[in-house]
């Protein structure tokens, strides 16, 4: 399948994308947005089954979640595919093909150990590392856009912001003929992803009695489907 350049349409003078089909104003996230978006994602994932299993469970947990999402945003935003709503109350962390496609090497893992310990603590370090390895093992080899995170502040959940963010990027991927992939850590979100064309093709459970993650793939939709 040939890959065409992804196009951004509907940009207004303030840098926002007018999304008439969806229910929000959306723009590409910038470095200055990281503190607010990290807080949004921390709230959104506070009860997530997988992060509840791997992130430390003590009085340092709120700070650990913010540090984790701050790190993820710092690593992903430079690639230009992280999107956010106008009020920064919802965020989709996408990365293009080839990014985060291979697990870190031994040296990189050792250098990351102090930060990983801040997220997981000693008690859950093995769980965190097992999760990371399992996700890399299941990631498809075929080039794809990877949706690492989709989060909406609890007070705004159920208002269509998640669908707005998904629709914004997926419409571009359809135009470019590019598939998408995600790991779904919460079965309550499966219907949302399925409505946008994702299908479960595999699953895995984290070691030691941990929760299950569902691997979901989406082939690009043709014009006849979008019309």
Foldseek 3Di string as FASTA:
>chain_A
DAFDDFDQDQQDPVQWRDDPVADFIKHQDDLVCLQLLLLLQLQQCVPQQLLVQQFADDPLQSVLSSLVSSVLCVQQSVQRLKMAGPVSQKIWRKHFWPPLQADDDPVVCVVCVVSLCSGGNPVRSVQVVQVSVVVNVPDDPPTAMEGEDIGGRPVCPPVRPSVSSLVNVLVSCLVRFGKYKYKARDPVCVVVVVVVAWDFDDKDAGPPPGGMITIIMGGRDHPVVVD
